[in-house]
Structures are given as C-alpha cells and as structure tokens.
Amino acid sequence: MSSFFRAYLNSPVGPKTTHFWGPVANFGFVAAAMADINKPPEMISGNMTAVMCVFSALCMRFAWVVRPRNHLLLVCHASNETVQLYQLSRWAKGQGYLQLKEDKTPST
C-alpha cells in the first residue's frame, strides 16, 4: 500500500500539482450550490446558473481531453453540473417556465 500511495503522491495528477488542488478548490462551487438548495427559487440568478452550467460542461470536456487525464476535475465538474442543472430547474419552475399544463377536460 505504501508504494501505491508514494506513486500517487508523485504522479502528474497527485497532491503536489495543480491538477489536484484546482479540482479540490472547485468543489467550493458544488458546496455553494448545495447550500443554496433550501433557499427560495426567487433568490436564484438564472443567468449565473446557466453560465455555471456552460462553464462546468466546458471544464468536463477539458478534464477528459487534457493529458494526463484529470479524473478528479471531471468528477468535480460533473457534480457541479448536476447541482447547477437542478438549481436551474428550480429557477425555471419559480419563473413559470416549467409549469405543467392543466387538464382541459370539463368537470361534471
């Protein structure tokens, strides 16, 4: 186990590099979005949430293409994408964009 840890510690994506600490810092976006889940949808900025969705999608692509492949960054931005899309759906429902159509059949 010691050799595995030592190999990871000195790897190109290990904790001695920005390939590790960048994603760790980016988990702050995920934590902030999760902390806002219980806030009312009126407080959500639709523009900023949409920008965060695009940002995370682009960063997921980058994390997959960059060599060495950065799985931690990919997981970080996949988590952020999930939470931000949920927040965007809450905002859209609060704005009335995602309302279910009422049944138009006459009642007897």
PDB file of N, CA and C in Angstrom:
ATOM      1  N   MET A   1       0.821  -1.193   0.000  1.00  0.00           N
ATOM      2  CA  MET A   1       0.000   0.000   0.000  1.00  0.00           C
ATOM      3  C   MET A   1       0.868   1.260   0.000  1.00  0.00           C
ATOM      4  N   SER A   2       1.997   1.187   0.657  1.00  0.00           N
ATOM      5  CA  SER A   2       2.886   2.332   0.733  1.00  0.00           C
ATOM      6  C   SER A   2       3.413   2.726  -0.644  1.00  0.00           C
ATOM      7  N   SER A   3       3.735   1.745  -1.472  1.00  0.00           N
ATOM      8  CA  SER A   3       4.251   2.059  -2.802  1.00  0.00           C
ATOM      9  C   SER A   3       3.154   2.680  -3.672  1.00  0.00           C
ATOM     10  N   PHE A   4       1.897   2.238  -3.508  1.00  0.00           N
ATOM     11  CA  PHE A   4       0.786   2.827  -4.250  1.00  0.00           C
ATOM     12  C   PHE A   4       0.610   4.292  -3.862  1.00  0.00           C
ATOM     13  N   PHE A   5       0.641   4.570  -2.558  1.00  0.00           N
ATOM     14  CA  PHE A   5       0.488   5.948  -2.085  1.00  0.00           C
ATOM     15  C   PHE A   5       1.644   6.817  -2.565  1.00  0.00           C
ATOM     16  N   ARG A   6       2.854   6.301  -2.492  1.00  0.00           N
ATOM     17  CA  ARG A   6       4.024   7.053  -2.938  1.00  0.00           C
ATOM     18  C   ARG A   6       3.946   7.336  -4.443  1.00  0.00           C
ATOM     19  N   ALA A   7       3.490   6.353  -5.214  1.00  0.00           N
ATOM     20  CA  ALA A   7       3.347   6.553  -6.657  1.00  0.00           C
ATOM     21  C   ALA A   7       2.297   7.622  -6.950  1.00  0.00           C
ATOM     22  N   TYR A   8       1.171   7.596  -6.216  1.00  0.00           N
ATOM     23  CA  TYR A   8       0.136   8.612  -6.416  1.00  0.00           C
ATOM     24  C   TYR A   8       0.628   9.989  -5.982  1.00  0.00           C
ATOM     25  N   LEU A   9       1.332  10.038  -4.878  1.00  0.00           N
ATOM     26  CA  LEU A   9       1.849  11.301  -4.357  1.00  0.00           C
ATOM     27  C   LEU A   9       2.767  11.986  -5.368  1.00  0.00           C
ATOM     28  N   ASN A  10       3.535  11.222  -6.085  1.00  0.00           N
ATOM     29  CA  ASN A  10       4.482  11.774  -7.052  1.00  0.00           C
ATOM     30  C   ASN A  10       3.986  11.725  -8.492  1.00  0.00           C
ATOM     31  N   SER A  11       2.730  11.344  -8.708  1.00  0.00           N
ATOM     32  CA  SER A  11       2.197  11.252 -10.072  1.00  0.00           C
ATOM     33  C   SER A  11       1.898  12.645 -10.623  1.00  0.00           C
ATOM     34  N   PRO A  12       1.704  12.753 -11.944  1.00  0.00           N
ATOM     35  CA  PRO A  12       1.401  14.058 -12.559  1.00  0.00           C
ATOM     36  C   PRO A  12       0.062  14.658 -12.135  1.00  0.00           C
ATOM     37  N   VAL A  13      -0.822  13.864 -11.519  1.00  0.00           N
ATOM     38  CA  VAL A  13      -2.104  14.396 -11.034  1.00  0.00           C
ATOM     39  C   VAL A  13      -2.219  14.260  -9.516  1.00  0.00           C
ATOM     40  N   GLY A  14      -1.113  14.048  -8.858  1.00  0.00           N
ATOM     41  CA  GLY A  14      -1.106  13.870  -7.409  1.00  0.00           C
ATOM     42  C   GLY A  14      -1.211  15.182  -6.652  1.00  0.00           C
ATOM     43  N   PRO A  15      -1.213  15.099  -5.321  1.00  0.00           N
ATOM     44  CA  PRO A  15      -1.409  16.281  -4.489  1.00  0.00           C
ATOM     45  C   PRO A  15      -0.272  17.295  -4.501  1.00  0.00           C
ATOM     46  N   LYS A  16       0.770  17.042  -5.231  1.00  0.00           N
ATOM     47  CA  LYS A  16       1.858  18.017  -5.355  1.00  0.00           C
ATOM     48  C   LYS A  16       1.666  18.918  -6.575  1.00  0.00           C
ATOM     49  N   THR A  17       0.538  18.779  -7.269  1.00  0.00           N
ATOM     50  CA  THR A  17       0.337  19.509  -8.528  1.00  0.00           C
ATOM     51  C   THR A  17      -0.968  20.308  -8.500  1.00  0.00           C
ATOM     52  N   THR A  18      -1.082  21.209  -9.461  1.00  0.00           N
ATOM     53  CA  THR A  18      -2.335  21.959  -9.605  1.00  0.00           C
ATOM     54  C   THR A  18      -3.435  21.083 -10.188  1.00  0.00           C
ATOM     55  N   HIS A  19      -3.072  19.956 -10.796  1.00  0.00           N
ATOM     56  CA  HIS A  19      -4.080  19.021 -11.288  1.00  0.00           C
ATOM     57  C   HIS A  19      -4.887  18.424 -10.139  1.00  0.00           C
ATOM     58  N   PHE A  20      -4.368  18.508  -8.937  1.00  0.00           N
ATOM     59  CA  PHE A  20      -5.091  18.033  -7.749  1.00  0.00           C
ATOM     60  C   PHE A  20      -5.774  19.193  -7.027  1.00  0.00           C
ATOM     61  N   TRP A  21      -5.051  20.250  -6.752  1.00  0.00           N
ATOM     62  CA  TRP A  21      -5.581  21.329  -5.926  1.00  0.00           C
ATOM     63  C   TRP A  21      -6.601  22.200  -6.654  1.00  0.00           C
ATOM     64  N   GLY A  22      -6.522  22.289  -7.961  1.00  0.00           N
ATOM     65  CA  GLY A  22      -7.539  23.018  -8.723  1.00  0.00           C
ATOM     66  C   GLY A  22      -8.923  22.417  -8.551  1.00  0.00           C
ATOM     67  N   PRO A  23      -9.082  21.114  -8.790  1.00  0.00           N
ATOM     68  CA  PRO A  23     -10.394  20.494  -8.572  1.00  0.00           C
ATOM     69  C   PRO A  23     -10.857  20.549  -7.119  1.00  0.00           C
ATOM     70  N   VAL A  24      -9.932  20.396  -6.203  1.00  0.00           N
ATOM     71  CA  VAL A  24     -10.322  20.469  -4.782  1.00  0.00           C
ATOM     72  C   VAL A  24     -10.913  21.849  -4.484  1.00  0.00           C
ATOM     73  N   ALA A  25     -10.298  22.894  -4.999  1.00  0.00           N
ATOM     74  CA  ALA A  25     -10.818  24.244  -4.796  1.00  0.00           C
ATOM     75  C   ALA A  25     -12.159  24.428  -5.512  1.00  0.00           C
ATOM     76  N   ASN A  26     -12.313  23.826  -6.693  1.00  0.00           N
ATOM     77  CA  ASN A  26     -13.553  23.954  -7.454  1.00  0.00           C
ATOM     78  C   ASN A  26     -14.730  23.252  -6.790  1.00  0.00           C
ATOM     79  N   PHE A  27     -14.479  22.348  -5.870  1.00  0.00           N
ATOM     80  CA  PHE A  27     -15.582  21.729  -5.138  1.00  0.00           C
ATOM     81  C   PHE A  27     -16.322  22.767  -4.293  1.00  0.00           C
ATOM     82  N   GLY A  28     -15.745  23.949  -4.127  1.00  0.00           N
ATOM     83  CA  GLY A  28     -16.447  25.049  -3.458  1.00  0.00           C
ATOM     84  C   GLY A  28     -17.692  25.469  -4.216  1.00  0.00           C
ATOM     85  N   PHE A  29     -17.648  25.397  -5.565  1.00  0.00           N
ATOM     86  CA  PHE A  29     -18.838  25.686  -6.365  1.00  0.00           C
ATOM     87  C   PHE A  29     -19.957  24.703  -6.038  1.00  0.00           C
ATOM     88  N   VAL A  30     -19.596  23.442  -5.919  1.00  0.00           N
ATOM     89  CA  VAL A  30     -20.577  22.404  -5.607  1.00  0.00           C
ATOM     90  C   VAL A  30     -21.155  22.631  -4.215  1.00  0.00           C
ATOM     91  N   ALA A  31     -20.281  22.922  -3.264  1.00  0.00           N
ATOM     92  CA  ALA A  31     -20.741  23.153  -1.887  1.00  0.00           C
ATOM     93  C   ALA A  31     -21.660  24.367  -1.804  1.00  0.00           C
ATOM     94  N   ALA A  32     -21.324  25.432  -2.526  1.00  0.00           N
ATOM     95  CA  ALA A  32     -22.159  26.638  -2.507  1.00  0.00           C
ATOM     96  C   ALA A  32     -23.528  26.369  -3.116  1.00  0.00           C
ATOM     97  N   ALA A  33     -23.571  25.635  -4.218  1.00  0.00           N
ATOM     98  CA  ALA A  33     -24.856  25.322  -4.855  1.00  0.00           C
ATOM     99  C   ALA A  33     -25.697  24.412  -3.965  1.00  0.00           C
ATOM    100  N   MET A  34     -25.053  23.476  -3.298  1.00  0.00           N
ATOM    101  CA  MET A  34     -25.795  22.579  -2.398  1.00  0.00           C
ATOM    102  C   MET A  34     -26.319  23.341  -1.181  1.00  0.00           C
ATOM    103  N   ALA A  35     -25.577  24.332  -0.734  1.00  0.00           N
ATOM    104  CA  ALA A  35     -26.036  25.133   0.401  1.00  0.00           C
ATOM    105  C   ALA A  35     -27.244  25.982   0.014  1.00  0.00           C
ATOM    106  N   ASP A  36     -27.378  26.304  -1.270  1.00  0.00           N
ATOM    107  CA  ASP A  36     -28.496  27.129  -1.744  1.00  0.00           C
ATOM    108  C   ASP A  36     -29.740  26.330  -2.098  1.00  0.00           C
ATOM    109  N   ILE A  37     -29.700  25.023  -1.953  1.00  0.00           N
ATOM    110  CA  ILE A  37     -30.845  24.193  -2.347  1.00  0.00           C
ATOM    111  C   ILE A  37     -32.095  24.538  -1.543  1.00  0.00           C
ATOM    112  N   ASN A  38     -31.950  24.887  -0.293  1.00  0.00           N
ATOM    113  CA  ASN A  38     -33.119  25.177   0.543  1.00  0.00           C
ATOM    114  C   ASN A  38     -33.568  26.632   0.480  1.00  0.00           C
ATOM    115  N   LYS A  39     -32.857  27.446  -0.265  1.00  0.00           N
ATOM    116  CA  LYS A  39     -33.258  28.844  -0.407  1.00  0.00           C
ATOM    117  C   LYS A  39     -34.397  28.949  -1.413  1.00  0.00           C
ATOM    118  N   PRO A  40     -35.212  29.992  -1.316  1.00  0.00           N
ATOM    119  CA  PRO A  40     -36.322  30.130  -2.268  1.00  0.00           C
ATOM    120  C   PRO A  40     -35.814  30.352  -3.695  1.00  0.00           C
ATOM    121  N   PRO A  41     -36.566  29.851  -4.683  1.00  0.00           N
ATOM    122  CA  PRO A  41     -36.131  29.980  -6.078  1.00  0.00           C
ATOM    123  C   PRO A  41     -36.015  31.424  -6.552  1.00  0.00           C
ATOM    124  N   GLU A  42     -36.673  32.352  -5.882  1.00  0.00           N
ATOM    125  CA  GLU A  42     -36.589  33.758  -6.277  1.00  0.00           C
ATOM    126  C   GLU A  42     -35.184  34.314  -6.078  1.00  0.00           C
ATOM    127  N   MET A  43     -34.402  33.680  -5.233  1.00  0.00           N
ATOM    128  CA  MET A  43     -33.045  34.159  -4.954  1.00  0.00           C
ATOM    129  C   MET A  43     -32.015  33.619  -5.952  1.00  0.00           C
ATOM    130  N   ILE A  44     -32.428  32.710  -6.829  1.00  0.00           N
ATOM    131  CA  ILE A  44     -31.513  32.112  -7.796  1.00  0.00           C
ATOM    132  C   ILE A  44     -31.376  33.034  -9.002  1.00  0.00           C
ATOM    133  N   SER A  45     -30.160  33.264  -9.423  1.00  0.00           N
ATOM    134  CA  SER A  45     -29.903  34.034 -10.640  1.00  0.00           C
ATOM    135  C   SER A  45     -29.892  33.059 -11.817  1.00  0.00           C
ATOM    136  N   GLY A  46     -30.862  33.181 -12.694  1.00  0.00           N
ATOM    137  CA  GLY A  46     -30.938  32.301 -13.856  1.00  0.00           C
ATOM    138  C   GLY A  46     -29.744  32.459 -14.772  1.00  0.00           C
ATOM    139  N   ASN A  47     -29.305  33.695 -14.975  1.00  0.00           N
ATOM    140  CA  ASN A  47     -28.150  33.940 -15.843  1.00  0.00           C
ATOM    141  C   ASN A  47     -26.882  33.304 -15.285  1.00  0.00           C
ATOM    142  N   MET A  48     -26.625  33.519 -14.007  1.00  0.00           N
ATOM    143  CA  MET A  48     -25.401  32.987 -13.406  1.00  0.00           C
ATOM    144  C   MET A  48     -25.434  31.464 -13.357  1.00  0.00           C
ATOM    145  N   THR A  49     -26.577  30.893 -13.070  1.00  0.00           N
ATOM    146  CA  THR A  49     -26.687  29.442 -13.012  1.00  0.00           C
ATOM    147  C   THR A  49     -26.473  28.841 -14.397  1.00  0.00           C
ATOM    148  N   ALA A  50     -27.016  29.473 -15.424  1.00  0.00           N
ATOM    149  CA  ALA A  50     -26.798  28.988 -16.789  1.00  0.00           C
ATOM    150  C   ALA A  50     -25.325  29.092 -17.174  1.00  0.00           C
ATOM    151  N   VAL A  51     -24.667  30.168 -16.775  1.00  0.00           N
ATOM    152  CA  VAL A  51     -23.239  30.322 -17.049  1.00  0.00           C
ATOM    153  C   VAL A  51     -22.443  29.230 -16.333  1.00  0.00           C
ATOM    154  N   MET A  52     -22.813  28.919 -15.109  1.00  0.00           N
ATOM    155  CA  MET A  52     -22.120  27.858 -14.368  1.00  0.00           C
ATOM    156  C   MET A  52     -22.315  26.496 -15.042  1.00  0.00           C
ATOM    157  N   CYS A  53     -23.486  26.268 -15.634  1.00  0.00           N
ATOM    158  CA  CYS A  53     -23.729  25.020 -16.363  1.00  0.00           C
ATOM    159  C   CYS A  53     -22.817  24.920 -17.581  1.00  0.00           C
ATOM    160  N   VAL A  54     -22.712  25.992 -18.337  1.00  0.00           N
ATOM    161  CA  VAL A  54     -21.837  26.002 -19.516  1.00  0.00           C
ATOM    162  C   VAL A  54     -20.375  25.860 -19.088  1.00  0.00           C
ATOM    163  N   PHE A  55     -19.990  26.573 -18.042  1.00  0.00           N
ATOM    164  CA  PHE A  55     -18.624  26.503 -17.523  1.00  0.00           C
ATOM    165  C   PHE A  55     -18.252  25.079 -17.131  1.00  0.00           C
ATOM    166  N   SER A  56     -19.130  24.416 -16.398  1.00  0.00           N
ATOM    167  CA  SER A  56     -18.829  23.053 -15.956  1.00  0.00           C
ATOM    168  C   SER A  56     -18.793  22.080 -17.127  1.00  0.00           C
ATOM    169  N   ALA A  57     -19.659  22.273 -18.113  1.00  0.00           N
ATOM    170  CA  ALA A  57     -19.631  21.404 -19.288  1.00  0.00           C
ATOM    171  C   ALA A  57     -18.314  21.556 -20.040  1.00  0.00           C
ATOM    172  N   LEU A  58     -17.850  22.789 -20.194  1.00  0.00           N
ATOM    173  CA  LEU A  58     -16.574  23.022 -20.870  1.00  0.00           C
ATOM    174  C   LEU A  58     -15.403  22.441 -20.074  1.00  0.00           C
ATOM    175  N   CYS A  59     -15.466  22.591 -18.767  1.00  0.00           N
ATOM    176  CA  CYS A  59     -14.379  22.060 -17.932  1.00  0.00           C
ATOM    177  C   CYS A  59     -14.383  20.536 -17.905  1.00  0.00           C
ATOM    178  N   MET A  60     -15.564  19.916 -18.008  1.00  0.00           N
ATOM    179  CA  MET A  60     -15.609  18.450 -18.103  1.00  0.00           C
ATOM    180  C   MET A  60     -14.920  17.993 -19.386  1.00  0.00           C
ATOM    181  N   ARG A  61     -15.175  18.698 -20.469  1.00  0.00           N
ATOM    182  CA  ARG A  61     -14.525  18.368 -21.744  1.00  0.00           C
ATOM    183  C   ARG A  61     -13.016  18.529 -21.617  1.00  0.00           C
ATOM    184  N   PHE A  62     -12.578  19.630 -21.019  1.00  0.00           N
ATOM    185  CA  PHE A  62     -11.150  19.865 -20.832  1.00  0.00           C
ATOM    186  C   PHE A  62     -10.526  18.766 -19.976  1.00  0.00           C
ATOM    187  N   ALA A  63     -11.187  18.391 -18.879  1.00  0.00           N
ATOM    188  CA  ALA A  63     -10.640  17.373 -17.972  1.00  0.00           C
ATOM    189  C   ALA A  63     -10.485  16.030 -18.674  1.00  0.00           C
ATOM    190  N   TRP A  64     -11.347  15.758 -19.645  1.00  0.00           N
ATOM    191  CA  TRP A  64     -11.264  14.493 -20.366  1.00  0.00           C
ATOM    192  C   TRP A  64     -10.166  14.525 -21.432  1.00  0.00           C
ATOM    193  N   VAL A  65      -9.948  15.676 -22.054  1.00  0.00           N
ATOM    194  CA  VAL A  65      -9.008  15.776 -23.168  1.00  0.00           C
ATOM    195  C   VAL A  65      -7.581  16.006 -22.702  1.00  0.00           C
ATOM    196  N   VAL A  66      -7.390  16.730 -21.609  1.00  0.00           N
ATOM    197  CA  VAL A  66      -6.047  17.083 -21.155  1.00  0.00           C
ATOM    198  C   VAL A  66      -5.255  15.814 -20.810  1.00  0.00           C
ATOM    199  N   ARG A  67      -3.953  15.890 -21.063  1.00  0.00           N
ATOM    200  CA  ARG A  67      -3.065  14.764 -20.712  1.00  0.00           C
ATOM    201  C   ARG A  67      -2.106  15.224 -19.638  1.00  0.00           C
ATOM    202  N   PRO A  68      -1.969  14.579 -18.535  1.00  0.00           N
ATOM    203  CA  PRO A  68      -2.669  13.365 -18.136  1.00  0.00           C
ATOM    204  C   PRO A  68      -4.139  13.662 -17.832  1.00  0.00           C
ATOM    205  N   ARG A  69      -4.989  12.705 -18.151  1.00  0.00           N
ATOM    206  CA  ARG A  69      -6.428  12.868 -17.951  1.00  0.00           C
ATOM    207  C   ARG A  69      -6.705  13.136 -16.466  1.00  0.00           C
ATOM    208  N   ASN A  70      -7.520  14.166 -16.203  1.00  0.00           N
ATOM    209  CA  ASN A  70      -7.754  14.591 -14.825  1.00  0.00           C
ATOM    210  C   ASN A  70      -9.146  14.139 -14.372  1.00  0.00           C
ATOM    211  N   HIS A  71      -9.207  12.959 -13.774  1.00  0.00           N
ATOM    212  CA  HIS A  71     -10.486  12.399 -13.335  1.00  0.00           C
ATOM    213  C   HIS A  71     -11.091  13.171 -12.172  1.00  0.00           C
ATOM    214  N   LEU A  72     -10.261  13.707 -11.307  1.00  0.00           N
ATOM    215  CA  LEU A  72     -10.784  14.479 -10.174  1.00  0.00           C
ATOM    216  C   LEU A  72     -11.492  15.739 -10.665  1.00  0.00           C
ATOM    217  N   LEU A  73     -10.924  16.409 -11.649  1.00  0.00           N
ATOM    218  CA  LEU A  73     -11.566  17.591 -12.226  1.00  0.00           C
ATOM    219  C   LEU A  73     -12.865  17.206 -12.932  1.00  0.00           C
ATOM    220  N   LEU A  74     -12.865  16.076 -13.598  1.00  0.00           N
ATOM    221  CA  LEU A  74     -14.068  15.594 -14.274  1.00  0.00           C
ATOM    222  C   LEU A  74     -15.185  15.335 -13.270  1.00  0.00           C
ATOM    223  N   VAL A  75     -14.874  14.672 -12.183  1.00  0.00           N
ATOM    224  CA  VAL A  75     -15.877  14.387 -11.151  1.00  0.00           C
ATOM    225  C   VAL A  75     -16.367  15.678 -10.506  1.00  0.00           C
ATOM    226  N   CYS A  76     -15.452  16.595 -10.253  1.00  0.00           N
ATOM    227  CA  CYS A  76     -15.817  17.870  -9.648  1.00  0.00           C
ATOM    228  C   CYS A  76     -16.828  18.611 -10.514  1.00  0.00           C
ATOM    229  N   HIS A  77     -16.558  18.721 -11.800  1.00  0.00           N
ATOM    230  CA  HIS A  77     -17.450  19.487 -12.671  1.00  0.00           C
ATOM    231  C   HIS A  77     -18.703  18.708 -13.048  1.00  0.00           C
ATOM    232  N   ALA A  78     -18.655  17.389 -13.045  1.00  0.00           N
ATOM    233  CA  ALA A  78     -19.883  16.613 -13.237  1.00  0.00           C
ATOM    234  C   ALA A  78     -20.810  16.823 -12.044  1.00  0.00           C
ATOM    235  N   SER A  79     -20.243  16.866 -10.846  1.00  0.00           N
ATOM    236  CA  SER A  79     -21.044  17.150  -9.654  1.00  0.00           C
ATOM    237  C   SER A  79     -21.627  18.554  -9.717  1.00  0.00           C
ATOM    238  N   ASN A  80     -20.814  19.517 -10.124  1.00  0.00           N
ATOM    239  CA  ASN A  80     -21.294  20.891 -10.225  1.00  0.00           C
ATOM    240  C   ASN A  80     -22.373  21.011 -11.299  1.00  0.00           C
ATOM    241  N   GLU A  81     -22.191  20.339 -12.417  1.00  0.00           N
ATOM    242  CA  GLU A  81     -23.188  20.373 -13.490  1.00  0.00           C
ATOM    243  C   GLU A  81     -24.531  19.841 -12.987  1.00  0.00           C
ATOM    244  N   THR A  82     -24.487  18.762 -12.239  1.00  0.00           N
ATOM    245  CA  THR A  82     -25.706  18.167 -11.702  1.00  0.00           C
ATOM    246  C   THR A  82     -26.430  19.127 -10.767  1.00  0.00           C
ATOM    247  N   VAL A  83     -25.699  19.703  -9.840  1.00  0.00           N
ATOM    248  CA  VAL A  83     -26.315  20.610  -8.870  1.00  0.00           C
ATOM    249  C   VAL A  83     -26.806  21.886  -9.548  1.00  0.00           C
ATOM    250  N   GLN A  84     -26.023  22.409 -10.484  1.00  0.00           N
ATOM    251  CA  GLN A  84     -26.426  23.645 -11.168  1.00  0.00           C
ATOM    252  C   GLN A  84     -27.649  23.416 -12.057  1.00  0.00           C
ATOM    253  N   LEU A  85     -27.739  22.259 -12.713  1.00  0.00           N
ATOM    254  CA  LEU A  85     -28.924  21.970 -13.515  1.00  0.00           C
ATOM    255  C   LEU A  85     -30.163  21.851 -12.630  1.00  0.00           C
ATOM    256  N   TYR A  86     -29.988  21.278 -11.451  1.00  0.00           N
ATOM    257  CA  TYR A  86     -31.110  21.214 -10.509  1.00  0.00           C
ATOM    258  C   TYR A  86     -31.529  22.626 -10.090  1.00  0.00           C
ATOM    259  N   GLN A  87     -30.556  23.475  -9.787  1.00  0.00           N
ATOM    260  CA  GLN A  87     -30.861  24.854  -9.414  1.00  0.00           C
ATOM    261  C   GLN A  87     -31.521  25.601 -10.578  1.00  0.00           C
ATOM    262  N   LEU A  88     -31.066  25.350 -11.796  1.00  0.00           N
ATOM    263  CA  LEU A  88     -31.665  25.992 -12.969  1.00  0.00           C
ATOM    264  C   LEU A  88     -33.112  25.539 -13.146  1.00  0.00           C
ATOM    265  N   SER A  89     -33.386  24.272 -12.878  1.00  0.00           N
ATOM    266  CA  SER A  89     -34.772  23.795 -12.977  1.00  0.00           C
ATOM    267  C   SER A  89     -35.641  24.422 -11.884  1.00  0.00           C
ATOM    268  N   ARG A  90     -35.095  24.611 -10.696  1.00  0.00           N
ATOM    269  CA  ARG A  90     -35.837  25.291  -9.631  1.00  0.00           C
ATOM    270  C   ARG A  90     -36.144  26.736 -10.019  1.00  0.00           C
ATOM    271  N   TRP A  91     -35.161  27.412 -10.616  1.00  0.00           N
ATOM    272  CA  TRP A  91     -35.357  28.787 -11.061  1.00  0.00           C
ATOM    273  C   TRP A  91     -36.432  28.843 -12.144  1.00  0.00           C
ATOM    274  N   ALA A  92     -36.354  27.926 -13.120  1.00  0.00           N
ATOM    275  CA  ALA A  92     -37.316  27.921 -14.219  1.00  0.00           C
ATOM    276  C   ALA A  92     -38.731  27.646 -13.711  1.00  0.00           C
ATOM    277  N   LYS A  93     -38.869  26.733 -12.754  1.00  0.00           N
ATOM    278  CA  LYS A  93     -40.192  26.475 -12.170  1.00  0.00           C
ATOM    279  C   LYS A  93     -40.685  27.698 -11.418  1.00  0.00           C
ATOM    280  N   GLY A  94     -39.806  28.361 -10.711  1.00  0.00           N
ATOM    281  CA  GLY A  94     -40.180  29.567  -9.969  1.00  0.00           C
ATOM    282  C   GLY A  94     -40.586  30.712 -10.877  1.00  0.00           C
ATOM    283  N   GLN A  95     -40.010  30.770 -12.071  1.00  0.00           N
ATOM    284  CA  GLN A  95     -40.344  31.814 -13.038  1.00  0.00           C
ATOM    285  C   GLN A  95     -41.568  31.451 -13.875  1.00  0.00           C
ATOM    286  N   GLY A  96     -42.031  30.211 -13.756  1.00  0.00           N
ATOM    287  CA  GLY A  96     -43.202  29.780 -14.510  1.00  0.00           C
ATOM    288  C   GLY A  96     -42.885  29.179 -15.857  1.00  0.00           C
ATOM    289  N   TYR A  97     -41.621  28.896 -16.134  1.00  0.00           N
ATOM    290  CA  TYR A  97     -41.250  28.320 -17.423  1.00  0.00           C
ATOM    291  C   TYR A  97     -41.575  26.834 -17.513  1.00  0.00           C
ATOM    292  N   LEU A  98     -41.591  26.148 -16.406  1.00  0.00           N
ATOM    293  CA  LEU A  98     -41.804  24.702 -16.409  1.00  0.00           C
ATOM    294  C   LEU A  98     -43.108  24.322 -15.713  1.00  0.00           C
ATOM    295  N   GLN A  99     -44.175  24.980 -16.057  1.00  0.00           N
ATOM    296  CA  GLN A  99     -45.454  24.641 -15.446  1.00  0.00           C
ATOM    297  C   GLN A  99     -46.100  23.493 -16.211  1.00  0.00           C
ATOM    298  N   LEU A 100     -46.732  22.620 -15.454  1.00  0.00           N
ATOM    299  CA  LEU A 100     -47.470  21.525 -16.070  1.00  0.00           C
ATOM    300  C   LEU A 100     -48.774  22.087 -16.619  1.00  0.00           C
ATOM    301  N   LYS A 101     -49.150  21.628 -17.791  1.00  0.00           N
ATOM    302  CA  LYS A 101     -50.407  22.086 -18.381  1.00  0.00           C
ATOM    303  C   LYS A 101     -51.567  21.438 -17.638  1.00  0.00           C
ATOM    304  N   GLU A 102     -52.557  22.244 -17.323  1.00  0.00           N
ATOM    305  CA  GLU A 102     -53.723  21.731 -16.616  1.00  0.00           C
ATOM    306  C   GLU A 102     -54.601  20.953 -17.571  1.00  0.00           C
ATOM    307  N   ASP A 103     -55.292  19.964 -17.029  1.00  0.00           N
ATOM    308  CA  ASP A 103     -56.209  19.160 -17.827  1.00  0.00           C
ATOM    309  C   ASP A 103     -57.391  20.020 -18.246  1.00  0.00           C
ATOM    310  N   LYS A 104     -57.680  20.105 -19.535  1.00  0.00           N
ATOM    311  CA  LYS A 104     -58.724  20.991 -20.049  1.00  0.00           C
ATOM    312  C   LYS A 104     -60.081  20.300 -20.191  1.00  0.00           C
ATOM    313  N   THR A 105     -60.195  19.098 -19.652  1.00  0.00           N
ATOM    314  CA  THR A 105     -61.492  18.425 -19.766  1.00  0.00           C
ATOM    315  C   THR A 105     -62.488  19.057 -18.817  1.00  0.00           C
ATOM    316  N   PRO A 106     -63.736  19.236 -19.276  1.00  0.00           N
ATOM    317  CA  PRO A 106     -64.734  19.870 -18.411  1.00  0.00           C
ATOM    318  C   PRO A 106     -65.117  18.938 -17.268  1.00  0.00           C
ATOM    319  N   SER A 107     -65.316  19.542 -16.118  1.00  0.00           N
ATOM    320  CA  SER A 107     -65.721  18.736 -14.945  1.00  0.00           C
ATOM    321  C   SER A 107     -67.252  18.643 -14.942  1.00  0.00           C
ATOM    322  N   THR A 108     -67.748  17.557 -14.443  1.00  0.00           N
ATOM    323  CA  THR A 108     -69.218  17.357 -14.386  1.00  0.00           C
ATOM    324  C   THR A 108     -69.759  17.570 -13.017  1.00  0.00           C
TER     325      THR A 108
END
